[in-house]
Amino acid sequence: MPREEVRFMRLLVFFDLPVKTKKERRYATRFRNFLLKDGYQMVQLSVYSRVCRGQDMVDRHLRRLKDNLPPSGCVRVLQVTDKQYGRMQILIGAKNPTEAVATEQLLLF
């Protein structure tokens, strides 16, 4: 790959956080708010996605995620190319209008 060519990546964050106590709900809300403030978009209730320009940006956001993890629960991250993300199929339901906007924003870079 030529040095000038930059590959756009997607980070997908999947999480299952405990919300039985008030303290656990507060941690879960803080984590969701962090994701939104850090540029992630909600794909589903506990699945968030973010566009990253190149591996350096992916590494930076992985560090930020690790710094903002809640004390308990399960958080997983999957890194895919933007092309792979675009091949995702929705099997039931409708595409969220914000998903179409995210793809168009990518073209503006």
N, C-alpha and C. Protein backbone atom coordinates (compact mmCIF):
# COMPACT_ATOMS: atom_id res chain seq x y z
N MET A 1 0.84 -1.17 0.00
CA MET A 1 0.00 0.00 0.00
C MET A 1 0.89 1.24 0.00
N PRO A 2 0.65 2.17 -0.92
CA PRO A 2 1.46 3.39 -0.95
C PRO A 2 1.35 4.17 0.35
N ARG A 3 2.41 4.84 0.70
CA ARG A 3 2.45 5.58 1.96
C ARG A 3 1.37 6.67 2.02
N GLU A 4 1.04 7.29 0.86
CA GLU A 4 0.07 8.38 0.84
C GLU A 4 -1.37 7.88 1.05
N GLU A 5 -1.60 6.60 0.73
CA GLU A 5 -2.96 6.06 0.85
C GLU A 5 -3.28 5.78 2.32
N VAL A 6 -4.39 6.33 2.77
CA VAL A 6 -4.81 6.14 4.16
C VAL A 6 -6.03 5.24 4.17
N ARG A 7 -5.99 4.26 5.03
CA ARG A 7 -7.12 3.32 5.13
C ARG A 7 -8.04 3.75 6.27
N PHE A 8 -9.31 3.90 5.93
CA PHE A 8 -10.30 4.23 6.94
C PHE A 8 -10.76 2.94 7.62
N MET A 9 -10.81 2.98 8.93
CA MET A 9 -11.18 1.83 9.73
C MET A 9 -12.41 2.17 10.57
N ARG A 10 -13.08 1.15 11.02
CA ARG A 10 -14.19 1.30 11.96
C ARG A 10 -13.85 0.54 13.22
N LEU A 11 -14.10 1.17 14.33
CA LEU A 11 -14.03 0.48 15.62
C LEU A 11 -15.45 0.21 16.05
N LEU A 12 -15.74 -1.04 16.33
CA LEU A 12 -17.04 -1.43 16.86
C LEU A 12 -16.86 -1.81 18.32
N VAL A 13 -17.62 -1.18 19.18
CA VAL A 13 -17.54 -1.45 20.62
C VAL A 13 -18.84 -2.14 21.04
N PHE A 14 -18.70 -3.34 21.58
CA PHE A 14 -19.83 -4.12 22.08
C PHE A 14 -19.69 -4.19 23.60
N PHE A 15 -20.76 -3.95 24.32
CA PHE A 15 -20.61 -4.04 25.77
C PHE A 15 -21.87 -4.59 26.43
N ASP A 16 -21.64 -5.23 27.54
CA ASP A 16 -22.70 -5.75 28.40
C ASP A 16 -22.31 -5.36 29.82
N LEU A 17 -22.94 -4.32 30.32
CA LEU A 17 -22.57 -3.79 31.63
C LEU A 17 -23.68 -4.04 32.64
N PRO A 18 -23.30 -4.34 33.88
CA PRO A 18 -24.32 -4.54 34.92
C PRO A 18 -25.01 -3.23 35.25
N VAL A 19 -26.32 -3.29 35.48
CA VAL A 19 -27.10 -2.08 35.80
C VAL A 19 -28.10 -2.35 36.93
N LYS A 20 -27.76 -3.27 37.83
CA LYS A 20 -28.69 -3.61 38.92
C LYS A 20 -28.71 -2.56 40.02
N THR A 21 -27.57 -2.00 40.34
CA THR A 21 -27.53 -1.00 41.41
C THR A 21 -27.40 0.40 40.80
N LYS A 22 -27.65 1.39 41.63
CA LYS A 22 -27.54 2.78 41.18
C LYS A 22 -26.10 3.10 40.75
N LYS A 23 -25.14 2.58 41.47
CA LYS A 23 -23.73 2.81 41.14
C LYS A 23 -23.37 2.19 39.79
N GLU A 24 -23.86 0.96 39.53
CA GLU A 24 -23.59 0.30 38.25
C GLU A 24 -24.24 1.06 37.09
N ARG A 25 -25.46 1.55 37.29
CA ARG A 25 -26.14 2.34 36.25
C ARG A 25 -25.36 3.61 35.97
N ARG A 26 -24.81 4.23 37.00
CA ARG A 26 -24.02 5.45 36.82
C ARG A 26 -22.76 5.17 35.99
N TYR A 27 -22.07 4.05 36.27
CA TYR A 27 -20.89 3.67 35.48
C TYR A 27 -21.26 3.39 34.02
N ALA A 28 -22.38 2.69 33.81
CA ALA A 28 -22.81 2.37 32.45
C ALA A 28 -23.16 3.65 31.68
N THR A 29 -23.84 4.58 32.34
CA THR A 29 -24.20 5.84 31.70
C THR A 29 -22.96 6.66 31.38
N ARG A 30 -22.01 6.70 32.29
CA ARG A 30 -20.75 7.42 32.03
C ARG A 30 -20.03 6.83 30.82
N PHE A 31 -20.02 5.50 30.71
CA PHE A 31 -19.34 4.87 29.59
C PHE A 31 -20.04 5.21 28.28
N ARG A 32 -21.36 5.13 28.25
CA ARG A 32 -22.11 5.49 27.04
C ARG A 32 -21.87 6.95 26.67
N ASN A 33 -21.90 7.82 27.65
CA ASN A 33 -21.67 9.25 27.39
C ASN A 33 -20.25 9.49 26.86
N PHE A 34 -19.27 8.76 27.41
CA PHE A 34 -17.91 8.87 26.90
C PHE A 34 -17.86 8.50 25.43
N LEU A 35 -18.50 7.37 25.07
CA LEU A 35 -18.50 6.93 23.68
C LEU A 35 -19.10 8.00 22.76
N LEU A 36 -20.21 8.57 23.16
CA LEU A 36 -20.85 9.60 22.33
C LEU A 36 -19.97 10.84 22.19
N LYS A 37 -19.38 11.28 23.29
CA LYS A 37 -18.51 12.46 23.25
C LYS A 37 -17.24 12.20 22.45
N ASP A 38 -16.82 10.94 22.37
CA ASP A 38 -15.60 10.59 21.65
C ASP A 38 -15.86 10.30 20.18
N GLY A 39 -17.07 10.56 19.71
CA GLY A 39 -17.36 10.44 18.29
C GLY A 39 -17.97 9.13 17.85
N TYR A 40 -18.36 8.29 18.77
CA TYR A 40 -19.01 7.03 18.41
C TYR A 40 -20.49 7.29 18.13
N GLN A 41 -21.05 6.45 17.27
CA GLN A 41 -22.48 6.51 17.00
C GLN A 41 -23.10 5.19 17.41
N MET A 42 -24.30 5.27 17.97
CA MET A 42 -24.97 4.05 18.41
C MET A 42 -25.48 3.29 17.20
N VAL A 43 -25.08 2.02 17.07
CA VAL A 43 -25.56 1.15 16.01
C VAL A 43 -26.77 0.38 16.53
N GLN A 44 -26.64 -0.13 17.74
CA GLN A 44 -27.72 -0.79 18.47
C GLN A 44 -27.55 -0.41 19.93
N LEU A 45 -28.40 -0.91 20.78
CA LEU A 45 -28.42 -0.47 22.17
C LEU A 45 -27.05 -0.53 22.84
N SER A 46 -26.33 -1.62 22.70
CA SER A 46 -25.02 -1.75 23.33
C SER A 46 -23.91 -1.97 22.31
N VAL A 47 -24.09 -1.41 21.12
CA VAL A 47 -23.10 -1.50 20.06
C VAL A 47 -22.88 -0.10 19.49
N TYR A 48 -21.63 0.35 19.54
CA TYR A 48 -21.29 1.69 19.05
C TYR A 48 -20.19 1.57 18.00
N SER A 49 -20.16 2.51 17.06
CA SER A 49 -19.20 2.47 15.96
C SER A 49 -18.55 3.84 15.79
N ARG A 50 -17.28 3.81 15.37
CA ARG A 50 -16.56 5.05 15.13
C ARG A 50 -15.63 4.89 13.94
N VAL A 51 -15.58 5.92 13.09
CA VAL A 51 -14.66 5.94 11.95
C VAL A 51 -13.30 6.44 12.43
N CYS A 52 -12.24 5.77 11.99
CA CYS A 52 -10.88 6.19 12.31
C CYS A 52 -10.09 6.27 11.02
N ARG A 53 -9.28 7.29 10.91
CA ARG A 53 -8.45 7.48 9.71
C ARG A 53 -7.05 6.95 9.99
N GLY A 54 -6.83 5.70 9.62
CA GLY A 54 -5.52 5.09 9.78
C GLY A 54 -5.34 4.38 11.11
N GLN A 55 -4.30 3.53 11.15
CA GLN A 55 -4.04 2.71 12.34
C GLN A 55 -3.62 3.54 13.55
N ASP A 56 -2.93 4.66 13.32
CA ASP A 56 -2.53 5.51 14.45
C ASP A 56 -3.75 6.02 15.22
N MET A 57 -4.78 6.42 14.49
CA MET A 57 -6.00 6.91 15.14
C MET A 57 -6.73 5.77 15.85
N VAL A 58 -6.71 4.58 15.26
CA VAL A 58 -7.31 3.41 15.90
C VAL A 58 -6.62 3.15 17.23
N ASP A 59 -5.29 3.16 17.23
CA ASP A 59 -4.53 2.91 18.46
C ASP A 59 -4.83 3.97 19.52
N ARG A 60 -4.94 5.22 19.09
CA ARG A 60 -5.24 6.31 20.03
C ARG A 60 -6.61 6.11 20.68
N HIS A 61 -7.60 5.71 19.89
CA HIS A 61 -8.94 5.52 20.45
C HIS A 61 -9.04 4.25 21.29
N LEU A 62 -8.25 3.25 20.98
CA LEU A 62 -8.21 2.07 21.84
C LEU A 62 -7.66 2.43 23.21
N ARG A 63 -6.61 3.27 23.24
CA ARG A 63 -6.07 3.73 24.54
C ARG A 63 -7.13 4.52 25.30
N ARG A 64 -7.85 5.40 24.61
CA ARG A 64 -8.89 6.20 25.27
C ARG A 64 -9.99 5.30 25.82
N LEU A 65 -10.36 4.26 25.07
CA LEU A 65 -11.36 3.31 25.57
C LEU A 65 -10.87 2.63 26.84
N LYS A 66 -9.64 2.16 26.83
CA LYS A 66 -9.07 1.48 28.00
C LYS A 66 -9.03 2.39 29.21
N ASP A 67 -8.79 3.68 28.98
CA ASP A 67 -8.74 4.64 30.09
C ASP A 67 -10.12 4.95 30.66
N ASN A 68 -11.18 4.63 29.92
CA ASN A 68 -12.53 4.98 30.35
C ASN A 68 -13.43 3.77 30.59
N LEU A 69 -12.83 2.61 30.78
CA LEU A 69 -13.62 1.40 31.01
C LEU A 69 -14.30 1.45 32.37
N PRO A 70 -15.53 0.93 32.45
CA PRO A 70 -16.17 0.81 33.76
C PRO A 70 -15.49 -0.30 34.57
N PRO A 71 -15.67 -0.31 35.89
CA PRO A 71 -14.95 -1.29 36.72
C PRO A 71 -15.41 -2.73 36.52
N SER A 72 -16.62 -2.96 36.01
CA SER A 72 -17.09 -4.34 35.81
C SER A 72 -17.91 -4.42 34.52
N GLY A 73 -18.19 -5.64 34.13
CA GLY A 73 -18.94 -5.86 32.89
C GLY A 73 -18.01 -6.38 31.81
N CYS A 74 -18.52 -6.41 30.59
CA CYS A 74 -17.77 -6.95 29.46
C CYS A 74 -17.80 -5.94 28.32
N VAL A 75 -16.63 -5.52 27.87
CA VAL A 75 -16.50 -4.59 26.74
C VAL A 75 -15.57 -5.24 25.72
N ARG A 76 -16.04 -5.32 24.48
CA ARG A 76 -15.24 -5.91 23.40
C ARG A 76 -15.13 -4.89 22.27
N VAL A 77 -14.00 -4.93 21.56
CA VAL A 77 -13.76 -4.02 20.45
C VAL A 77 -13.37 -4.84 19.23
N LEU A 78 -13.98 -4.50 18.10
CA LEU A 78 -13.66 -5.14 16.84
C LEU A 78 -13.23 -4.06 15.86
N GLN A 79 -12.12 -4.27 15.20
CA GLN A 79 -11.60 -3.33 14.21
C GLN A 79 -11.83 -3.92 12.82
N VAL A 80 -12.53 -3.18 11.95
CA VAL A 80 -12.77 -3.63 10.57
C VAL A 80 -12.50 -2.46 9.63
N THR A 81 -12.26 -2.77 8.36
CA THR A 81 -12.10 -1.69 7.40
C THR A 81 -13.47 -1.08 7.13
N ASP A 82 -13.47 0.14 6.62
CA ASP A 82 -14.74 0.79 6.33
C ASP A 82 -15.48 0.04 5.22
N LYS A 83 -14.74 -0.56 4.31
CA LYS A 83 -15.36 -1.34 3.23
C LYS A 83 -16.07 -2.57 3.82
N GLN A 84 -15.43 -3.24 4.77
CA GLN A 84 -16.07 -4.38 5.42
C GLN A 84 -17.31 -3.95 6.18
N TYR A 85 -17.22 -2.82 6.87
CA TYR A 85 -18.38 -2.31 7.61
C TYR A 85 -19.53 -2.01 6.66
N GLY A 86 -19.22 -1.45 5.49
CA GLY A 86 -20.24 -1.13 4.50
C GLY A 86 -20.95 -2.34 3.94
N ARG A 87 -20.32 -3.50 4.06
CA ARG A 87 -20.94 -4.73 3.58
C ARG A 87 -21.86 -5.37 4.61
N MET A 88 -22.02 -4.74 5.77
CA MET A 88 -22.91 -5.26 6.80
C MET A 88 -24.33 -5.32 6.24
N GLN A 89 -25.03 -6.38 6.56
CA GLN A 89 -26.41 -6.53 6.11
C GLN A 89 -27.35 -6.38 7.28
N ILE A 90 -28.42 -5.65 7.06
CA ILE A 90 -29.47 -5.54 8.06
C ILE A 90 -30.53 -6.56 7.68
N LEU A 91 -30.76 -7.53 8.54
CA LEU A 91 -31.65 -8.63 8.20
C LEU A 91 -33.10 -8.38 8.59
N ILE A 92 -33.31 -7.49 9.54
CA ILE A 92 -34.67 -7.15 9.93
C ILE A 92 -34.66 -5.72 10.42
N GLY A 93 -35.74 -5.01 10.20
CA GLY A 93 -35.79 -3.62 10.61
C GLY A 93 -35.33 -2.70 9.49
N ALA A 94 -35.11 -1.47 9.82
CA ALA A 94 -34.73 -0.48 8.81
C ALA A 94 -33.40 0.15 9.20
N LYS A 95 -32.71 0.70 8.21
CA LYS A 95 -31.46 1.40 8.45
C LYS A 95 -31.76 2.70 9.18
N ASN A 96 -30.98 2.98 10.19
CA ASN A 96 -31.12 4.21 10.96
C ASN A 96 -30.64 5.38 10.09
N PRO A 97 -31.37 6.50 10.06
CA PRO A 97 -30.95 7.64 9.23
C PRO A 97 -29.54 8.15 9.54
N THR A 98 -29.07 8.01 10.77
CA THR A 98 -27.73 8.49 11.11
C THR A 98 -26.66 7.62 10.48
N GLU A 99 -26.97 6.37 10.15
CA GLU A 99 -25.99 5.51 9.49
C GLU A 99 -25.66 6.03 8.10
N ALA A 100 -26.66 6.50 7.38
CA ALA A 100 -26.43 7.04 6.03
C ALA A 100 -25.57 8.30 6.11
N VAL A 101 -25.79 9.13 7.11
CA VAL A 101 -25.02 10.35 7.30
C VAL A 101 -23.56 10.03 7.57
N ALA A 102 -23.32 9.02 8.38
CA ALA A 102 -21.94 8.65 8.73
C ALA A 102 -21.15 8.26 7.50
N THR A 103 -21.76 7.52 6.59
CA THR A 103 -21.07 7.11 5.37
C THR A 103 -20.77 8.32 4.49
N GLU A 104 -21.71 9.24 4.39
CA GLU A 104 -21.50 10.43 3.59
C GLU A 104 -20.40 11.30 4.19
N GLN A 105 -20.31 11.37 5.51
CA GLN A 105 -19.28 12.16 6.15
C GLN A 105 -17.90 11.60 5.81
N LEU A 106 -17.81 10.31 5.67
CA LEU A 106 -16.55 9.68 5.34
C LEU A 106 -16.05 10.17 3.99
N LEU A 107 -16.93 10.42 3.06
CA LEU A 107 -16.54 10.87 1.75
C LEU A 107 -15.99 12.29 1.75
N LEU A 108 -16.26 13.06 2.80
CA LEU A 108 -15.80 14.43 2.86
C LEU A 108 -14.33 14.55 3.20
N PHE A 109 -13.70 13.49 3.73
CA PHE A 109 -12.30 13.57 4.13
C PHE A 109 -11.42 13.80 2.97
